[in-house]
All heavy atoms as atom14 arrays in JSON, in Angstrom:
{
  "sequence": "NAKKTVDLQMNSLTPEDTAVYYCASSSTYYPTTAYYAKHSVY",
  "atom14_mask": [
    [1, 1, 1, 1, 1, 1, 1, 1, 0, 0, 0, 0, 0, 0],
    [1, 1, 1, 1, 1, 0, 0, 0, 0, 0, 0, 0, 0, 0],
    [1, 1, 1, 1, 1, 1, 1, 1, 1, 0, 0, 0, 0, 0],
    [1, 1, 1, 1, 1, 1, 1, 1, 1, 0, 0, 0, 0, 0],
    [1, 1, 1, 1, 1, 1, 1, 0, 0, 0, 0, 0, 0, 0],
    [1, 1, 1, 1, 1, 1, 1, 0, 0, 0, 0, 0, 0, 0],
    [1, 1, 1, 1, 1, 1, 1, 1, 0, 0, 0, 0, 0, 0],
    [1, 1, 1, 1, 1, 1, 1, 1, 0, 0, 0, 0, 0, 0],
    [1, 1, 1, 1, 1, 1, 1, 1, 1, 0, 0, 0, 0, 0],
    [1, 1, 1, 1, 1, 1, 1, 1, 0, 0, 0, 0, 0, 0],
    [1, 1, 1, 1, 1, 1, 1, 1, 0, 0, 0, 0, 0, 0],
    [1, 1, 1, 1, 1, 1, 0, 0, 0, 0, 0, 0, 0, 0],
    [1, 1, 1, 1, 1, 1, 1, 1, 0, 0, 0, 0, 0, 0],
    [1, 1, 1, 1, 1, 1, 1, 0, 0, 0, 0, 0, 0, 0],
    [1, 1, 1, 1, 1, 1, 1, 0, 0, 0, 0, 0, 0, 0],
    [1, 1, 1, 1, 1, 1, 1, 1, 1, 0, 0, 0, 0, 0],
    [1, 1, 1, 1, 1, 1, 1, 1, 0, 0, 0, 0, 0, 0],
    [1, 1, 1, 1, 1, 1, 1, 0, 0, 0, 0, 0, 0, 0],
    [1, 1, 1, 1, 1, 0, 0, 0, 0, 0, 0, 0, 0, 0],
    [1, 1, 1, 1, 1, 1, 1, 0, 0, 0, 0, 0, 0, 0],
    [1, 1, 1, 1, 1, 1, 1, 1, 1, 1, 1, 1, 0, 0],
    [1, 1, 1, 1, 1, 1, 1, 1, 1, 1, 1, 1, 0, 0],
    [1, 1, 1, 1, 1, 1, 0, 0, 0, 0, 0, 0, 0, 0],
    [1, 1, 1, 1, 1, 0, 0, 0, 0, 0, 0, 0, 0, 0],
    [1, 1, 1, 1, 1, 1, 0, 0, 0, 0, 0, 0, 0, 0],
    [1, 1, 1, 1, 1, 1, 0, 0, 0, 0, 0, 0, 0, 0],
    [1, 1, 1, 1, 1, 1, 0, 0, 0, 0, 0, 0, 0, 0],
    [1, 1, 1, 1, 1, 1, 1, 0, 0, 0, 0, 0, 0, 0],
    [1, 1, 1, 1, 1, 1, 1, 1, 1, 1, 1, 1, 0, 0],
    [1, 1, 1, 1, 1, 1, 1, 1, 1, 1, 1, 1, 0, 0],
    [1, 1, 1, 1, 1, 1, 1, 0, 0, 0, 0, 0, 0, 0],
    [1, 1, 1, 1, 1, 1, 1, 0, 0, 0, 0, 0, 0, 0],
    [1, 1, 1, 1, 1, 1, 1, 0, 0, 0, 0, 0, 0, 0],
    [1, 1, 1, 1, 1, 0, 0, 0, 0, 0, 0, 0, 0, 0],
    [1, 1, 1, 1, 1, 1, 1, 1, 1, 1, 1, 1, 0, 0],
    [1, 1, 1, 1, 1, 1, 1, 1, 1, 1, 1, 1, 0, 0],
    [1, 1, 1, 1, 1, 0, 0, 0, 0, 0, 0, 0, 0, 0],
    [1, 1, 1, 1, 1, 1, 1, 1, 1, 0, 0, 0, 0, 0],
    [1, 1, 1, 1, 1, 1, 1, 1, 1, 1, 0, 0, 0, 0],
    [1, 1, 1, 1, 1, 1, 0, 0, 0, 0, 0, 0, 0, 0],
    [1, 1, 1, 1, 1, 1, 1, 0, 0, 0, 0, 0, 0, 0],
    [1, 1, 1, 1, 1, 1, 1, 1, 1, 1, 1, 1, 0, 0]
  ],
  "atom14_positions": [
    [[-13.9, 4.36, -2.61], [-14.7, 3.32, -1.89], [-15.82, 2.88, -2.81], [-16.27, 1.72, -2.75], [-15.24, 3.98, -0.69], [-14.17, 3.94, 0.49], [-13.07, 3.75, 0.18], [-14.61, 4.42, 1.72], [0.0, 0.0, 0.0], [0.0, 0.0, 0.0], [0.0, 0.0, 0.0], [0.0, 0.0, 0.0], [0.0, 0.0, 0.0], [0.0, 0.0, 0.0]],
    [[-16.36, 3.68, -3.62], [-17.54, 3.39, -4.53], [-17.03, 2.31, -5.43], [-17.66, 1.33, -5.75], [-18.09, 4.52, -5.12], [0.0, 0.0, 0.0], [0.0, 0.0, 0.0], [0.0, 0.0, 0.0], [0.0, 0.0, 0.0], [0.0, 0.0, 0.0], [0.0, 0.0, 0.0], [0.0, 0.0, 0.0], [0.0, 0.0, 0.0], [0.0, 0.0, 0.0]],
    [[-15.81, 2.57, -6.11], [-15.28, 1.64, -7.08], [-14.54, 0.51, -6.52], [-14.11, -0.44, -7.13], [-14.41, 2.48, -8.08], [-15.15, 3.47, -8.89], [-14.18, 4.14, -9.87], [-14.92, 5.18, -10.7], [-13.94, 5.88, -11.61], [0.0, 0.0, 0.0], [0.0, 0.0, 0.0], [0.0, 0.0, 0.0], [0.0, 0.0, 0.0], [0.0, 0.0, 0.0]],
    [[-14.24, 0.65, -5.16], [-13.39, -0.36, -4.46], [-12.07, -0.46, -5.09], [-11.59, -1.7, -5.35], [-14.22, -1.76, -4.42], [-15.45, -1.6, -3.66], [-16.17, -2.97, -3.52], [-17.35, -2.91, -2.75], [-18.01, -4.27, -2.59], [0.0, 0.0, 0.0], [0.0, 0.0, 0.0], [0.0, 0.0, 0.0], [0.0, 0.0, 0.0], [0.0, 0.0, 0.0]],
    [[-11.39, 0.53, -5.43], [-10.12, 0.57, -5.93], [-9.18, 1.3, -5.14], [-9.55, 2.29, -4.43], [-10.1, 1.05, -7.41], [-10.58, 2.46, -7.35], [-10.93, 0.16, -8.32], [0.0, 0.0, 0.0], [0.0, 0.0, 0.0], [0.0, 0.0, 0.0], [0.0, 0.0, 0.0], [0.0, 0.0, 0.0], [0.0, 0.0, 0.0], [0.0, 0.0, 0.0]],
    [[-7.89, 1.05, -5.19], [-6.83, 1.74, -4.59], [-5.78, 2.0, -5.61], [-5.33, 1.03, -6.21], [-6.29, 1.02, -3.37], [-5.05, 1.88, -2.74], [-7.27, 0.76, -2.26], [0.0, 0.0, 0.0], [0.0, 0.0, 0.0], [0.0, 0.0, 0.0], [0.0, 0.0, 0.0], [0.0, 0.0, 0.0], [0.0, 0.0, 0.0], [0.0, 0.0, 0.0]],
    [[-5.37, 3.26, -5.75], [-4.45, 3.67, -6.78], [-3.15, 4.08, -6.09], [-3.14, 4.65, -4.96], [-4.94, 4.67, -7.58], [-6.11, 4.26, -8.55], [-6.35, 3.0, -8.57], [-6.69, 5.13, -9.2], [0.0, 0.0, 0.0], [0.0, 0.0, 0.0], [0.0, 0.0, 0.0], [0.0, 0.0, 0.0], [0.0, 0.0, 0.0], [0.0, 0.0, 0.0]],
    [[-2.05, 4.04, -6.89], [-0.74, 4.5, -6.46], [-0.26, 5.24, -7.61], [0.2, 4.64, -8.65], [0.19, 3.32, -6.08], [1.5, 3.82, -5.55], [1.38, 4.4, -4.19], [2.54, 2.59, -5.44], [0.0, 0.0, 0.0], [0.0, 0.0, 0.0], [0.0, 0.0, 0.0], [0.0, 0.0, 0.0], [0.0, 0.0, 0.0], [0.0, 0.0, 0.0]],
    [[-0.32, 6.54, -7.55], [0.39, 7.48, -8.5], [1.77, 7.63, -8.18], [2.19, 8.02, -7.15], [-0.28, 8.77, -8.52], [0.28, 9.76, -9.48], [0.09, 9.42, -11.0], [-1.01, 8.94, -11.28], [1.18, 9.65, -11.84], [0.0, 0.0, 0.0], [0.0, 0.0, 0.0], [0.0, 0.0, 0.0], [0.0, 0.0, 0.0], [0.0, 0.0, 0.0]],
    [[2.76, 7.27, -9.23], [4.09, 7.26, -8.96], [4.68, 8.29, -10.03], [4.65, 8.1, -11.22], [4.71, 5.8, -9.23], [3.99, 4.77, -8.31], [4.86, 3.18, -8.57], [4.59, 2.88, -10.25], [0.0, 0.0, 0.0], [0.0, 0.0, 0.0], [0.0, 0.0, 0.0], [0.0, 0.0, 0.0], [0.0, 0.0, 0.0], [0.0, 0.0, 0.0]],
    [[5.29, 9.41, -9.51], [6.05, 10.33, -10.23], [7.53, 10.27, -10.05], [8.03, 9.7, -9.04], [5.42, 11.59, -9.96], [4.02, 11.77, -10.13], [3.44, 11.15, -11.11], [3.25, 12.58, -9.31], [0.0, 0.0, 0.0], [0.0, 0.0, 0.0], [0.0, 0.0, 0.0], [0.0, 0.0, 0.0], [0.0, 0.0, 0.0], [0.0, 0.0, 0.0]],
    [[8.24, 10.99, -10.92], [9.71, 11.08, -10.67], [10.35, 9.79, -10.46], [11.19, 9.52, -9.58], [10.07, 12.11, -9.63], [9.5, 13.35, -9.87], [0.0, 0.0, 0.0], [0.0, 0.0, 0.0], [0.0, 0.0, 0.0], [0.0, 0.0, 0.0], [0.0, 0.0, 0.0], [0.0, 0.0, 0.0], [0.0, 0.0, 0.0], [0.0, 0.0, 0.0]],
    [[9.97, 8.72, -11.27], [10.52, 7.42, -11.04], [11.96, 7.35, -11.35], [12.49, 8.01, -12.33], [9.73, 6.46, -11.9], [8.35, 6.17, -11.41], [7.42, 5.54, -12.56], [8.33, 5.24, -10.18], [0.0, 0.0, 0.0], [0.0, 0.0, 0.0], [0.0, 0.0, 0.0], [0.0, 0.0, 0.0], [0.0, 0.0, 0.0], [0.0, 0.0, 0.0]],
    [[12.66, 6.47, -10.57], [14.03, 6.11, -10.72], [14.25, 4.71, -10.97], [13.36, 3.93, -10.6], [14.89, 6.67, -9.54], [14.66, 5.81, -8.4], [14.48, 8.05, -9.05], [0.0, 0.0, 0.0], [0.0, 0.0, 0.0], [0.0, 0.0, 0.0], [0.0, 0.0, 0.0], [0.0, 0.0, 0.0], [0.0, 0.0, 0.0], [0.0, 0.0, 0.0]],
    [[15.46, 4.31, -11.46], [15.66, 2.83, -11.6], [15.53, 2.02, -10.3], [15.2, 0.91, -10.28], [17.03, 2.76, -12.14], [17.26, 4.12, -12.99], [16.4, 5.02, -12.07], [0.0, 0.0, 0.0], [0.0, 0.0, 0.0], [0.0, 0.0, 0.0], [0.0, 0.0, 0.0], [0.0, 0.0, 0.0], [0.0, 0.0, 0.0], [0.0, 0.0, 0.0]],
    [[15.74, 2.69, -9.17], [15.6, 2.07, -7.85], [14.2, 1.76, -7.5], [13.9, 1.04, -6.66], [16.22, 2.97, -6.79], [17.67, 3.14, -6.72], [18.28, 3.82, -7.95], [17.6, 4.81, -8.4], [19.33, 3.43, -8.45], [0.0, 0.0, 0.0], [0.0, 0.0, 0.0], [0.0, 0.0, 0.0], [0.0, 0.0, 0.0], [0.0, 0.0, 0.0]],
    [[13.21, 2.28, -8.26], [11.82, 1.93, -7.99], [11.39, 0.66, -8.75], [10.19, 0.2, -8.68], [10.94, 3.06, -8.49], [11.1, 4.34, -7.74], [11.2, 4.29, -6.42], [11.22, 5.45, -8.26], [0.0, 0.0, 0.0], [0.0, 0.0, 0.0], [0.0, 0.0, 0.0], [0.0, 0.0, 0.0], [0.0, 0.0, 0.0], [0.0, 0.0, 0.0]],
    [[12.32, 0.11, -9.57], [12.09, -1.06, -10.23], [11.75, -2.26, -9.43], [12.53, -2.47, -8.47], [13.22, -1.47, -11.31], [13.31, -0.41, -12.22], [12.99, -2.81, -11.93], [0.0, 0.0, 0.0], [0.0, 0.0, 0.0], [0.0, 0.0, 0.0], [0.0, 0.0, 0.0], [0.0, 0.0, 0.0], [0.0, 0.0, 0.0], [0.0, 0.0, 0.0]],
    [[10.59, -2.92, -9.51], [10.12, -3.96, -8.7], [8.77, -4.52, -9.04], [8.08, -3.94, -10.0], [10.04, -3.51, -7.18], [0.0, 0.0, 0.0], [0.0, 0.0, 0.0], [0.0, 0.0, 0.0], [0.0, 0.0, 0.0], [0.0, 0.0, 0.0], [0.0, 0.0, 0.0], [0.0, 0.0, 0.0], [0.0, 0.0, 0.0], [0.0, 0.0, 0.0]],
    [[8.43, -5.62, -8.45], [6.98, -6.09, -8.56], [6.23, -5.38, -7.45], [6.61, -5.42, -6.36], [6.94, -7.57, -8.46], [5.48, -8.04, -8.51], [7.68, -8.18, -9.53], [0.0, 0.0, 0.0], [0.0, 0.0, 0.0], [0.0, 0.0, 0.0], [0.0, 0.0, 0.0], [0.0, 0.0, 0.0], [0.0, 0.0, 0.0], [0.0, 0.0, 0.0]],
    [[5.14, -4.72, -7.84], [4.31, -4.0, -6.84], [3.1, -4.83, -6.51], [2.4, -5.32, -7.43], [3.99, -2.64, -7.45], [5.14, -1.59, -7.34], [6.2, -1.8, -8.2], [5.16, -0.57, -6.52], [7.3, -0.91, -8.18], [6.14, 0.3, -6.3], [7.26, 0.18, -7.21], [8.26, 1.08, -7.13], [0.0, 0.0, 0.0], [0.0, 0.0, 0.0]],
    [[2.85, -4.97, -5.19], [1.71, -5.76, -4.72], [0.79, -4.73, -3.88], [1.26, -3.88, -3.14], [2.22, -6.8, -3.74], [3.14, -7.82, -4.31], [4.52, -7.61, -4.39], [2.65, -8.91, -4.93], [5.35, -8.61, -4.9], [3.43, -10.02, -5.57], [4.9, -9.7, -5.53], [5.73, -10.65, -6.11], [0.0, 0.0, 0.0], [0.0, 0.0, 0.0]],
    [[-0.53, -5.02, -4.04], [-1.38, -4.36, -3.17], [-1.89, -5.46, -2.15], [-1.74, -6.6, -2.43], [-2.46, -3.73, -3.82], [-3.76, -4.8, -4.53], [0.0, 0.0, 0.0], [0.0, 0.0, 0.0], [0.0, 0.0, 0.0], [0.0, 0.0, 0.0], [0.0, 0.0, 0.0], [0.0, 0.0, 0.0], [0.0, 0.0, 0.0], [0.0, 0.0, 0.0]],
    [[-2.29, -4.92, -0.95], [-2.66, -5.81, 0.14], [-3.82, -5.14, 0.95], [-3.87, -3.93, 0.92], [-1.44, -6.08, 1.01], [0.0, 0.0, 0.0], [0.0, 0.0, 0.0], [0.0, 0.0, 0.0], [0.0, 0.0, 0.0], [0.0, 0.0, 0.0], [0.0, 0.0, 0.0], [0.0, 0.0, 0.0], [0.0, 0.0, 0.0], [0.0, 0.0, 0.0]],
    [[-4.5, -6.02, 1.51], [-5.69, -5.57, 2.28], [-5.59, -6.01, 3.78], [-5.24, -7.28, 3.96], [-6.99, -6.2, 1.6], [-8.17, -6.06, 2.49], [0.0, 0.0, 0.0], [0.0, 0.0, 0.0], [0.0, 0.0, 0.0], [0.0, 0.0, 0.0], [0.0, 0.0, 0.0], [0.0, 0.0, 0.0], [0.0, 0.0, 0.0], [0.0, 0.0, 0.0]],
    [[-5.98, -5.3, 4.7], [-5.97, -5.58, 6.12], [-7.3, -5.52, 6.68], [-8.01, -4.41, 6.44], [-4.93, -4.77, 6.83], [-5.0, -4.99, 8.26], [0.0, 0.0, 0.0], [0.0, 0.0, 0.0], [0.0, 0.0, 0.0], [0.0, 0.0, 0.0], [0.0, 0.0, 0.0], [0.0, 0.0, 0.0], [0.0, 0.0, 0.0], [0.0, 0.0, 0.0]],
    [[-7.79, -6.43, 7.53], [-9.08, -6.38, 8.16], [-8.97, -6.08, 9.66], [-9.92, -6.08, 10.38], [-9.85, -7.69, 7.96], [-9.11, -8.78, 8.49], [0.0, 0.0, 0.0], [0.0, 0.0, 0.0], [0.0, 0.0, 0.0], [0.0, 0.0, 0.0], [0.0, 0.0, 0.0], [0.0, 0.0, 0.0], [0.0, 0.0, 0.0], [0.0, 0.0, 0.0]],
    [[-7.69, -5.69, 10.05], [-7.44, -5.4, 11.48], [-7.35, -3.89, 11.67], [-6.53, -3.17, 10.8], [-6.11, -6.02, 11.9], [-6.28, -7.42, 11.77], [-5.92, -5.7, 13.39], [0.0, 0.0, 0.0], [0.0, 0.0, 0.0], [0.0, 0.0, 0.0], [0.0, 0.0, 0.0], [0.0, 0.0, 0.0], [0.0, 0.0, 0.0], [0.0, 0.0, 0.0]],
    [[-8.03, -3.39, 12.57], [-7.93, -1.91, 12.87], [-6.85, -1.54, 13.75], [-6.6, -2.18, 14.88], [-9.21, -1.38, 13.47], [-9.17, 0.04, 13.83], [-9.26, 1.07, 12.91], [-9.0, 0.44, 15.18], [-9.18, 2.42, 13.14], [-8.85, 1.87, 15.44], [-8.93, 2.89, 14.44], [-8.81, 4.17, 14.74], [0.0, 0.0, 0.0], [0.0, 0.0, 0.0]],
    [[-6.01, -0.55, 13.34], [-4.89, 0.03, 14.2], [-5.03, 1.55, 14.22], [-5.33, 2.12, 13.18], [-3.55, -0.31, 13.65], [-3.25, -1.81, 13.81], [-3.38, -2.58, 12.6], [-2.8, -2.36, 14.92], [-3.08, -3.91, 12.66], [-2.51, -3.7, 14.96], [-2.57, -4.53, 13.83], [-2.31, -5.76, 13.87], [0.0, 0.0, 0.0], [0.0, 0.0, 0.0]],
    [[-5.09, 2.15, 15.4], [-5.28, 3.58, 15.45], [-4.25, 4.4, 14.7], [-4.52, 5.42, 14.12], [-5.42, 3.95, 16.92], [-4.81, 2.8, 17.56], [-5.01, 1.55, 16.73], [0.0, 0.0, 0.0], [0.0, 0.0, 0.0], [0.0, 0.0, 0.0], [0.0, 0.0, 0.0], [0.0, 0.0, 0.0], [0.0, 0.0, 0.0], [0.0, 0.0, 0.0]],
    [[-2.99, 3.81, 14.71], [-1.87, 4.56, 14.13], [-1.6, 4.01, 12.72], [-1.35, 2.86, 12.54], [-0.65, 4.33, 15.0], [-0.87, 4.72, 16.37], [0.62, 5.04, 14.37], [0.0, 0.0, 0.0], [0.0, 0.0, 0.0], [0.0, 0.0, 0.0], [0.0, 0.0, 0.0], [0.0, 0.0, 0.0], [0.0, 0.0, 0.0], [0.0, 0.0, 0.0]],
    [[-1.74, 4.89, 11.8], [-1.66, 4.47, 10.38], [-0.34, 3.82, 10.04], [-0.23, 2.94, 9.23], [-1.83, 5.67, 9.51], [-3.07, 6.37, 9.8], [-1.98, 5.31, 7.97], [0.0, 0.0, 0.0], [0.0, 0.0, 0.0], [0.0, 0.0, 0.0], [0.0, 0.0, 0.0], [0.0, 0.0, 0.0], [0.0, 0.0, 0.0], [0.0, 0.0, 0.0]],
    [[0.71, 4.29, 10.71], [2.08, 3.72, 10.45], [2.17, 2.24, 10.79], [3.08, 1.59, 10.25], [3.11, 4.45, 11.32], [0.0, 0.0, 0.0], [0.0, 0.0, 0.0], [0.0, 0.0, 0.0], [0.0, 0.0, 0.0], [0.0, 0.0, 0.0], [0.0, 0.0, 0.0], [0.0, 0.0, 0.0], [0.0, 0.0, 0.0], [0.0, 0.0, 0.0]],
    [[1.25, 1.67, 11.55], [1.27, 0.23, 11.82], [1.05, -0.6, 10.54], [1.45, -1.75, 10.52], [0.2, -0.13, 12.83], [0.52, 0.17, 14.33], [1.54, 1.0, 14.66], [-0.14, -0.52, 15.37], [1.86, 1.28, 15.96], [0.12, -0.3, 16.6], [1.18, 0.65, 16.96], [1.44, 0.83, 18.31], [0.0, 0.0, 0.0], [0.0, 0.0, 0.0]],
    [[0.4, 0.02, 9.57], [0.08, -0.67, 8.29], [1.34, -0.76, 7.48], [1.23, -1.26, 6.37], [-1.05, -0.05, 7.75], [-2.4, -0.23, 8.4], [-2.96, 0.87, 9.2], [-3.01, -1.53, 8.39], [-4.12, 0.6, 9.83], [-4.24, -1.64, 9.14], [-4.7, -0.6, 9.81], [-5.95, -0.73, 10.59], [0.0, 0.0, 0.0], [0.0, 0.0, 0.0]],
    [[2.53, -0.27, 7.87], [3.67, -0.52, 7.21], [4.31, -1.91, 7.24], [5.21, -2.33, 6.67], [4.82, 0.55, 7.65], [0.0, 0.0, 0.0], [0.0, 0.0, 0.0], [0.0, 0.0, 0.0], [0.0, 0.0, 0.0], [0.0, 0.0, 0.0], [0.0, 0.0, 0.0], [0.0, 0.0, 0.0], [0.0, 0.0, 0.0], [0.0, 0.0, 0.0]],
    [[3.64, -2.65, 8.28], [4.23, -4.08, 8.49], [3.38, -4.99, 7.59], [2.22, -5.02, 7.58], [4.01, -4.38, 9.97], [4.6, -3.48, 10.97], [4.19, -3.88, 12.37], [4.83, -2.89, 13.36], [4.48, -3.26, 14.77], [0.0, 0.0, 0.0], [0.0, 0.0, 0.0], [0.0, 0.0, 0.0], [0.0, 0.0, 0.0], [0.0, 0.0, 0.0]],
    [[4.16, -5.83, 6.86], [3.43, -6.69, 5.91], [2.59, -7.73, 6.7], [1.64, -8.29, 6.18], [4.37, -7.33, 4.97], [5.38, -8.18, 5.46], [5.06, -9.48, 5.96], [6.62, -8.11, 5.82], [6.15, -10.05, 6.46], [7.13, -9.2, 6.44], [0.0, 0.0, 0.0], [0.0, 0.0, 0.0], [0.0, 0.0, 0.0], [0.0, 0.0, 0.0]],
    [[2.99, -7.95, 7.95], [2.33, -9.02, 8.78], [0.89, -8.74, 9.04], [0.09, -9.57, 9.52], [3.03, -9.34, 10.03], [3.22, -8.16, 10.81], [0.0, 0.0, 0.0], [0.0, 0.0, 0.0], [0.0, 0.0, 0.0], [0.0, 0.0, 0.0], [0.0, 0.0, 0.0], [0.0, 0.0, 0.0], [0.0, 0.0, 0.0], [0.0, 0.0, 0.0]],
    [[0.48, -7.36, 8.95], [-0.9, -6.99, 9.38], [-1.86, -7.24, 8.28], [-3.13, -7.0, 8.41], [-1.02, -5.56, 9.88], [0.08, -5.33, 10.94], [-0.76, -4.56, 8.75], [0.0, 0.0, 0.0], [0.0, 0.0, 0.0], [0.0, 0.0, 0.0], [0.0, 0.0, 0.0], [0.0, 0.0, 0.0], [0.0, 0.0, 0.0], [0.0, 0.0, 0.0]],
    [[-1.41, -7.68, 7.04], [-2.35, -7.74, 5.95], [-2.69, -9.23, 5.67], [-1.95, -10.08, 5.86], [-1.52, -7.24, 4.63], [-1.3, -5.76, 4.66], [-0.18, -5.19, 5.21], [-2.35, -4.91, 4.19], [0.0, -3.85, 5.3], [-2.16, -3.53, 4.22], [-1.03, -2.99, 4.88], [-0.87, -1.66, 4.86], [0.0, 0.0, 0.0], [0.0, 0.0, 0.0]]
  ]
}
């Protein structure tokens, strides 16, 4: 929070992980963390 960064540590990578990776920010609160799996909430 202090640096305002979000990191993604990726280990044991496979060719299936090949992609363009995007980060996204949501300003909507949902009590259930799994709701943030939907790209529409960002």
